[in-house]
Amino acid sequence: MGPMDAERIIRASKITMSQRNGTQTCYYSELGFVAVGQDGNVASIGPLDEGARKLLEVVEKHGIPH
């Protein structure tokens, strides 16, 4: 996966979470996940693992309360 994939994942994301004490933002979509550091660089990108797939399933079914 590369930069174009990161853009597609971010645009399609259904969940965005701050991680590592706010130093990283993770985006999750059916296409995969991407973690972006405070500097805007991609720290990690890849397919969803089982836990992330389950998280997306729960969010799609129940939503996220505000």
PDB file of N, CA and C in Angstrom:
ATOM      1  N   MET A   1       0.844  -1.180   0.000  1.00  0.00           N
ATOM      2  CA  MET A   1       0.000   0.000   0.000  1.00  0.00           C
ATOM      3  C   MET A   1       0.888   1.241   0.000  1.00  0.00           C
ATOM      4  N   GLY A   2       0.417   2.279  -0.686  1.00  0.00           N
ATOM      5  CA  GLY A   2       1.222   3.480  -0.811  1.00  0.00           C
ATOM      6  C   GLY A   2       0.424   4.745  -0.547  1.00  0.00           C
ATOM      7  N   PRO A   3       0.982   5.895  -0.921  1.00  0.00           N
ATOM      8  CA  PRO A   3       0.342   7.190  -0.652  1.00  0.00           C
ATOM      9  C   PRO A   3      -1.064   7.324  -1.232  1.00  0.00           C
ATOM     10  N   MET A   4      -1.289   6.805  -2.429  1.00  0.00           N
ATOM     11  CA  MET A   4      -2.628   6.889  -3.027  1.00  0.00           C
ATOM     12  C   MET A   4      -3.617   6.066  -2.215  1.00  0.00           C
ATOM     13  N   ASP A   5      -3.173   4.917  -1.708  1.00  0.00           N
ATOM     14  CA  ASP A   5      -4.031   4.093  -0.858  1.00  0.00           C
ATOM     15  C   ASP A   5      -4.360   4.830   0.436  1.00  0.00           C
ATOM     16  N   ALA A   6      -3.378   5.518   1.002  1.00  0.00           N
ATOM     17  CA  ALA A   6      -3.605   6.272   2.240  1.00  0.00           C
ATOM     18  C   ALA A   6      -4.691   7.313   2.032  1.00  0.00           C
ATOM     19  N   GLU A   7      -4.637   8.032   0.926  1.00  0.00           N
ATOM     20  CA  GLU A   7      -5.657   9.039   0.624  1.00  0.00           C
ATOM     21  C   GLU A   7      -7.033   8.403   0.495  1.00  0.00           C
ATOM     22  N   ARG A   8      -7.116   7.276  -0.181  1.00  0.00           N
ATOM     23  CA  ARG A   8      -8.398   6.587  -0.362  1.00  0.00           C
ATOM     24  C   ARG A   8      -8.955   6.112   0.974  1.00  0.00           C
ATOM     25  N   ILE A   9      -8.104   5.572   1.833  1.00  0.00           N
ATOM     26  CA  ILE A   9      -8.547   5.095   3.146  1.00  0.00           C
ATOM     27  C   ILE A   9      -9.044   6.264   3.987  1.00  0.00           C
ATOM     28  N   ILE A  10      -8.308   7.360   3.994  1.00  0.00           N
ATOM     29  CA  ILE A  10      -8.702   8.527   4.793  1.00  0.00           C
ATOM     30  C   ILE A  10     -10.040   9.071   4.310  1.00  0.00           C
ATOM     31  N   ARG A  11     -10.210   9.201   3.005  1.00  0.00           N
ATOM     32  CA  ARG A  11     -11.479   9.725   2.472  1.00  0.00           C
ATOM     33  C   ARG A  11     -12.654   8.801   2.771  1.00  0.00           C
ATOM     34  N   ALA A  12     -12.413   7.486   2.791  1.00  0.00           N
ATOM     35  CA  ALA A  12     -13.484   6.513   3.023  1.00  0.00           C
ATOM     36  C   ALA A  12     -13.644   6.150   4.495  1.00  0.00           C
ATOM     37  N   SER A  13     -12.862   6.772   5.379  1.00  0.00           N
ATOM     38  CA  SER A  13     -12.862   6.343   6.791  1.00  0.00           C
ATOM     39  C   SER A  13     -14.222   6.522   7.454  1.00  0.00           C
ATOM     40  N   LYS A  14     -14.546   5.556   8.285  1.00  0.00           N
ATOM     41  CA  LYS A  14     -15.769   5.585   9.080  1.00  0.00           C
ATOM     42  C   LYS A  14     -15.442   5.855  10.540  1.00  0.00           C
ATOM     43  N   ILE A  15     -14.196   5.605  10.906  1.00  0.00           N
ATOM     44  CA  ILE A  15     -13.740   5.828  12.282  1.00  0.00           C
ATOM     45  C   ILE A  15     -12.396   6.544  12.222  1.00  0.00           C
ATOM     46  N   THR A  16     -12.256   7.569  13.038  1.00  0.00           N
ATOM     47  CA  THR A  16     -10.988   8.266  13.199  1.00  0.00           C
ATOM     48  C   THR A  16     -10.714   8.358  14.684  1.00  0.00           C
ATOM     49  N   MET A  17      -9.532   7.927  15.097  1.00  0.00           N
ATOM     50  CA  MET A  17      -9.175   7.947  16.519  1.00  0.00           C
ATOM     51  C   MET A  17      -7.797   8.550  16.720  1.00  0.00           C
ATOM     52  N   SER A  18      -7.672   9.281  17.799  1.00  0.00           N
ATOM     53  CA  SER A  18      -6.378   9.789  18.225  1.00  0.00           C
ATOM     54  C   SER A  18      -5.711   8.704  19.069  1.00  0.00           C
ATOM     55  N   GLN A  19      -4.434   8.450  18.818  1.00  0.00           N
ATOM     56  CA  GLN A  19      -3.695   7.431  19.559  1.00  0.00           C
ATOM     57  C   GLN A  19      -2.338   7.971  19.993  1.00  0.00           C
ATOM     58  N   ARG A  20      -1.663   7.196  20.807  1.00  0.00           N
ATOM     59  CA  ARG A  20      -0.311   7.537  21.276  1.00  0.00           C
ATOM     60  C   ARG A  20      -0.258   8.933  21.885  1.00  0.00           C
ATOM     61  N   ASN A  21      -1.151   9.143  22.851  1.00  0.00           N
ATOM     62  CA  ASN A  21      -1.237  10.431  23.556  1.00  0.00           C
ATOM     63  C   ASN A  21      -1.434  11.602  22.605  1.00  0.00           C
ATOM     64  N   GLY A  22      -2.228  11.384  21.559  1.00  0.00           N
ATOM     65  CA  GLY A  22      -2.546  12.454  20.620  1.00  0.00           C
ATOM     66  C   GLY A  22      -1.490  12.737  19.571  1.00  0.00           C
ATOM     67  N   THR A  23      -0.453  11.935  19.514  1.00  0.00           N
ATOM     68  CA  THR A  23       0.614  12.190  18.545  1.00  0.00           C
ATOM     69  C   THR A  23       0.369  11.504  17.199  1.00  0.00           C
ATOM     70  N   GLN A  24      -0.696  10.702  17.122  1.00  0.00           N
ATOM     71  CA  GLN A  24      -0.982   9.957  15.903  1.00  0.00           C
ATOM     72  C   GLN A  24      -2.493   9.880  15.716  1.00  0.00           C
ATOM     73  N   THR A  25      -2.948  10.000  14.500  1.00  0.00           N
ATOM     74  CA  THR A  25      -4.365   9.852  14.175  1.00  0.00           C
ATOM     75  C   THR A  25      -4.512   8.641  13.283  1.00  0.00           C
ATOM     76  N   CYS A  26      -5.442   7.743  13.641  1.00  0.00           N
ATOM     77  CA  CYS A  26      -5.687   6.536  12.851  1.00  0.00           C
ATOM     78  C   CYS A  26      -7.049   6.610  12.191  1.00  0.00           C
ATOM     79  N   TYR A  27      -7.077   6.251  10.923  1.00  0.00           N
ATOM     80  CA  TYR A  27      -8.296   6.250  10.120  1.00  0.00           C
ATOM     81  C   TYR A  27      -8.600   4.810   9.736  1.00  0.00           C
ATOM     82  N   TYR A  28      -9.874   4.414   9.884  1.00  0.00           N
ATOM     83  CA  TYR A  28     -10.286   3.055   9.577  1.00  0.00           C
ATOM     84  C   TYR A  28     -11.424   3.068   8.563  1.00  0.00           C
ATOM     85  N   SER A  29     -11.299   2.281   7.520  1.00  0.00           N
ATOM     86  CA  SER A  29     -12.367   2.095   6.538  1.00  0.00           C
ATOM     87  C   SER A  29     -12.322   0.634   6.094  1.00  0.00           C
ATOM     88  N   GLU A  30     -13.289   0.252   5.253  1.00  0.00           N
ATOM     89  CA  GLU A  30     -13.289  -1.113   4.733  1.00  0.00           C
ATOM     90  C   GLU A  30     -12.058  -1.390   3.872  1.00  0.00           C
ATOM     91  N   LEU A  31     -11.408  -0.328   3.408  1.00  0.00           N
ATOM     92  CA  LEU A  31     -10.224  -0.471   2.561  1.00  0.00           C
ATOM     93  C   LEU A  31      -8.962  -0.790   3.354  1.00  0.00           C
ATOM     94  N   GLY A  32      -8.977  -0.498   4.665  1.00  0.00           N
ATOM     95  CA  GLY A  32      -7.810  -0.714   5.504  1.00  0.00           C
ATOM     96  C   GLY A  32      -7.693   0.385   6.548  1.00  0.00           C
ATOM     97  N   PHE A  33      -6.497   0.524   7.103  1.00  0.00           N
ATOM     98  CA  PHE A  33      -6.252   1.572   8.093  1.00  0.00           C
ATOM     99  C   PHE A  33      -4.993   2.334   7.718  1.00  0.00           C
ATOM    100  N   VAL A  34      -4.941   3.566   8.196  1.00  0.00           N
ATOM    101  CA  VAL A  34      -3.727   4.360   8.026  1.00  0.00           C
ATOM    102  C   VAL A  34      -3.526   5.177   9.299  1.00  0.00           C
ATOM    103  N   ALA A  35      -2.297   5.204   9.789  1.00  0.00           N
ATOM    104  CA  ALA A  35      -1.930   6.009  10.950  1.00  0.00           C
ATOM    105  C   ALA A  35      -1.059   7.156  10.458  1.00  0.00           C
ATOM    106  N   VAL A  36      -1.433   8.377  10.863  1.00  0.00           N
ATOM    107  CA  VAL A  36      -0.727   9.573  10.420  1.00  0.00           C
ATOM    108  C   VAL A  36      -0.169  10.296  11.644  1.00  0.00           C
ATOM    109  N   GLY A  37       1.118  10.605  11.608  1.00  0.00           N
ATOM    110  CA  GLY A  37       1.760  11.321  12.702  1.00  0.00           C
ATOM    111  C   GLY A  37       1.424  12.797  12.670  1.00  0.00           C
ATOM    112  N   GLN A  38       1.783  13.502  13.740  1.00  0.00           N
ATOM    113  CA  GLN A  38       1.530  14.943  13.826  1.00  0.00           C
ATOM    114  C   GLN A  38       2.185  15.716  12.690  1.00  0.00           C
ATOM    115  N   ASP A  39       3.250  15.172  12.148  1.00  0.00           N
ATOM    116  CA  ASP A  39       3.954  15.836  11.046  1.00  0.00           C
ATOM    117  C   ASP A  39       3.274  15.622   9.697  1.00  0.00           C
ATOM    118  N   GLY A  40       2.183  14.836   9.681  1.00  0.00           N
ATOM    119  CA  GLY A  40       1.444  14.580   8.457  1.00  0.00           C
ATOM    120  C   GLY A  40       1.944  13.395   7.655  1.00  0.00           C
ATOM    121  N   ASN A  41       2.999  12.766   8.114  1.00  0.00           N
ATOM    122  CA  ASN A  41       3.549  11.607   7.420  1.00  0.00           C
ATOM    123  C   ASN A  41       2.840  10.329   7.851  1.00  0.00           C
ATOM    124  N   VAL A  42       2.678   9.407   6.912  1.00  0.00           N
ATOM    125  CA  VAL A  42       2.062   8.119   7.210  1.00  0.00           C
ATOM    126  C   VAL A  42       3.030   7.295   8.051  1.00  0.00           C
ATOM    127  N   ALA A  43       2.568   6.913   9.247  1.00  0.00           N
ATOM    128  CA  ALA A  43       3.397   6.108  10.143  1.00  0.00           C
ATOM    129  C   ALA A  43       3.179   4.619   9.887  1.00  0.00           C
ATOM    130  N   SER A  44       1.952   4.255   9.472  1.00  0.00           N
ATOM    131  CA  SER A  44       1.619   2.858   9.236  1.00  0.00           C
ATOM    132  C   SER A  44       0.392   2.785   8.346  1.00  0.00           C
ATOM    133  N   ILE A  45       0.347   1.770   7.507  1.00  0.00           N
ATOM    134  CA  ILE A  45      -0.800   1.566   6.627  1.00  0.00           C
ATOM    135  C   ILE A  45      -0.924   0.072   6.371  1.00  0.00           C
ATOM    136  N   GLY A  46      -2.161  -0.412   6.265  1.00  0.00           N
ATOM    137  CA  GLY A  46      -2.323  -1.829   5.993  1.00  0.00           C
ATOM    138  C   GLY A  46      -3.764  -2.270   6.008  1.00  0.00           C
ATOM    139  N   PRO A  47      -3.963  -3.562   5.829  1.00  0.00           N
ATOM    140  CA  PRO A  47      -5.315  -4.116   5.868  1.00  0.00           C
ATOM    141  C   PRO A  47      -5.820  -4.163   7.306  1.00  0.00           C
ATOM    142  N   LEU A  48      -7.122  -4.272   7.454  1.00  0.00           N
ATOM    143  CA  LEU A  48      -7.706  -4.365   8.789  1.00  0.00           C
ATOM    144  C   LEU A  48      -7.435  -5.734   9.386  1.00  0.00           C
ATOM    145  N   ASP A  49      -7.165  -5.763  10.696  1.00  0.00           N
ATOM    146  CA  ASP A  49      -7.081  -7.029  11.391  1.00  0.00           C
ATOM    147  C   ASP A  49      -8.481  -7.388  11.896  1.00  0.00           C
ATOM    148  N   GLU A  50      -8.622  -8.515  12.529  1.00  0.00           N
ATOM    149  CA  GLU A  50      -9.938  -8.978  12.989  1.00  0.00           C
ATOM    150  C   GLU A  50     -10.576  -8.003  13.970  1.00  0.00           C
ATOM    151  N   GLY A  51      -9.798  -7.446  14.883  1.00  0.00           N
ATOM    152  CA  GLY A  51     -10.325  -6.483  15.852  1.00  0.00           C
ATOM    153  C   GLY A  51     -10.870  -5.233  15.198  1.00  0.00           C
ATOM    154  N   ALA A  52     -10.173  -4.716  14.213  1.00  0.00           N
ATOM    155  CA  ALA A  52     -10.626  -3.513  13.506  1.00  0.00           C
ATOM    156  C   ALA A  52     -11.870  -3.809  12.677  1.00  0.00           C
ATOM    157  N   ARG A  53     -11.935  -5.000  12.084  1.00  0.00           N
ATOM    158  CA  ARG A  53     -13.142  -5.380  11.325  1.00  0.00           C
ATOM    159  C   ARG A  53     -14.355  -5.444  12.247  1.00  0.00           C
ATOM    160  N   LYS A  54     -14.167  -5.998  13.447  1.00  0.00           N
ATOM    161  CA  LYS A  54     -15.265  -6.070  14.415  1.00  0.00           C
ATOM    162  C   LYS A  54     -15.680  -4.677  14.877  1.00  0.00           C
ATOM    163  N   LEU A  55     -14.709  -3.793  15.085  1.00  0.00           N
ATOM    164  CA  LEU A  55     -15.009  -2.420  15.488  1.00  0.00           C
ATOM    165  C   LEU A  55     -15.860  -1.727  14.424  1.00  0.00           C
ATOM    166  N   LEU A  56     -15.479  -1.846  13.156  1.00  0.00           N
ATOM    167  CA  LEU A  56     -16.268  -1.248  12.078  1.00  0.00           C
ATOM    168  C   LEU A  56     -17.675  -1.842  12.031  1.00  0.00           C
ATOM    169  N   GLU A  57     -17.777  -3.130  12.255  1.00  0.00           N
ATOM    170  CA  GLU A  57     -19.079  -3.796  12.249  1.00  0.00           C
ATOM    171  C   GLU A  57     -19.991  -3.226  13.343  1.00  0.00           C
ATOM    172  N   VAL A  58     -19.446  -3.044  14.531  1.00  0.00           N
ATOM    173  CA  VAL A  58     -20.237  -2.505  15.646  1.00  0.00           C
ATOM    174  C   VAL A  58     -20.646  -1.060  15.360  1.00  0.00           C
ATOM    175  N   VAL A  59     -19.736  -0.265  14.848  1.00  0.00           N
ATOM    176  CA  VAL A  59     -20.043   1.135  14.542  1.00  0.00           C
ATOM    177  C   VAL A  59     -21.122   1.223  13.460  1.00  0.00           C
ATOM    178  N   GLU A  60     -21.012   0.391  12.437  1.00  0.00           N
ATOM    179  CA  GLU A  60     -22.024   0.406  11.385  1.00  0.00           C
ATOM    180  C   GLU A  60     -23.388  -0.017  11.916  1.00  0.00           C
ATOM    181  N   LYS A  61     -23.400  -0.962  12.836  1.00  0.00           N
ATOM    182  CA  LYS A  61     -24.664  -1.471  13.368  1.00  0.00           C
ATOM    183  C   LYS A  61     -25.280  -0.528  14.389  1.00  0.00           C
ATOM    184  N   HIS A  62     -24.471   0.033  15.287  1.00  0.00           N
ATOM    185  CA  HIS A  62     -24.984   0.812  16.412  1.00  0.00           C
ATOM    186  C   HIS A  62     -24.657   2.305  16.357  1.00  0.00           C
ATOM    187  N   GLY A  63     -23.723   2.695  15.508  1.00  0.00           N
ATOM    188  CA  GLY A  63     -23.307   4.094  15.469  1.00  0.00           C
ATOM    189  C   GLY A  63     -22.401   4.425  16.630  1.00  0.00           C
ATOM    190  N   ILE A  64     -21.990   5.678  16.691  1.00  0.00           N
ATOM    191  CA  ILE A  64     -21.130   6.157  17.772  1.00  0.00           C
ATOM    192  C   ILE A  64     -21.879   7.297  18.453  1.00  0.00           C
ATOM    193  N   PRO A  65     -22.191   7.155  19.745  1.00  0.00           N
ATOM    194  CA  PRO A  65     -22.901   8.244  20.438  1.00  0.00           C
ATOM    195  C   PRO A  65     -22.008   9.477  20.560  1.00  0.00           C
ATOM    196  N   HIS A  66     -22.610  10.637  20.468  1.00  0.00           N
ATOM    197  CA  HIS A  66     -21.868  11.900  20.575  1.00  0.00           C
ATOM    198  C   HIS A  66     -21.964  12.461  21.971  1.00  0.00           C
TER     199      HIS A  66
END
